[in-house]
């Protein structure tokens, strides 16, 4: 027969009693309200580049703005860098947006994407990009391309606003 000390035996009994009592406790009720994430566009919009996206499964390109192109389509490192900044700006806009509308314009781009006016929360996305110097106006030549790598001139047709300390 094994002899145990009364202290050890009482400690074992106390731990056993505590675990039985913990197992018998009522589980807390779930919260009465469920917090949902704020409404957004979720997976309705996939931004390919700042001026090209897939909206509700349809490939569209902005009809009223031409954003700098990223790698491999950029013609210089400055255009590629500007493309990253502009695409991040558009993605942030889409992430916080609650409503988007697409109004098809006339024509398609070189990848057969419908040229469209895209409105995000009541604001024309292409116009806002142009007003913030993130995109140029689409030109008639070069499939709408703007020469992002040429010397900057605010007087060039379709040029975006250029902000600098010199203005």
Foldseek 3Di string as FASTA:
>chain_A
DDDDDPVVVVVVVVVVVVVVVVVPDDDDDDDPDDDDPDAAQPPQWDQPWLQWIQGNNATEGAQFWAAQDAPPVHPDVVSNVLRVVSSVVSVVLRGPFRDKDWAFDPDAFPVRHTHTFMATPNHGSRVVCLQVQRTFTQDPPPRRDDCPPPPDDPPPHRHGDDDDPVD
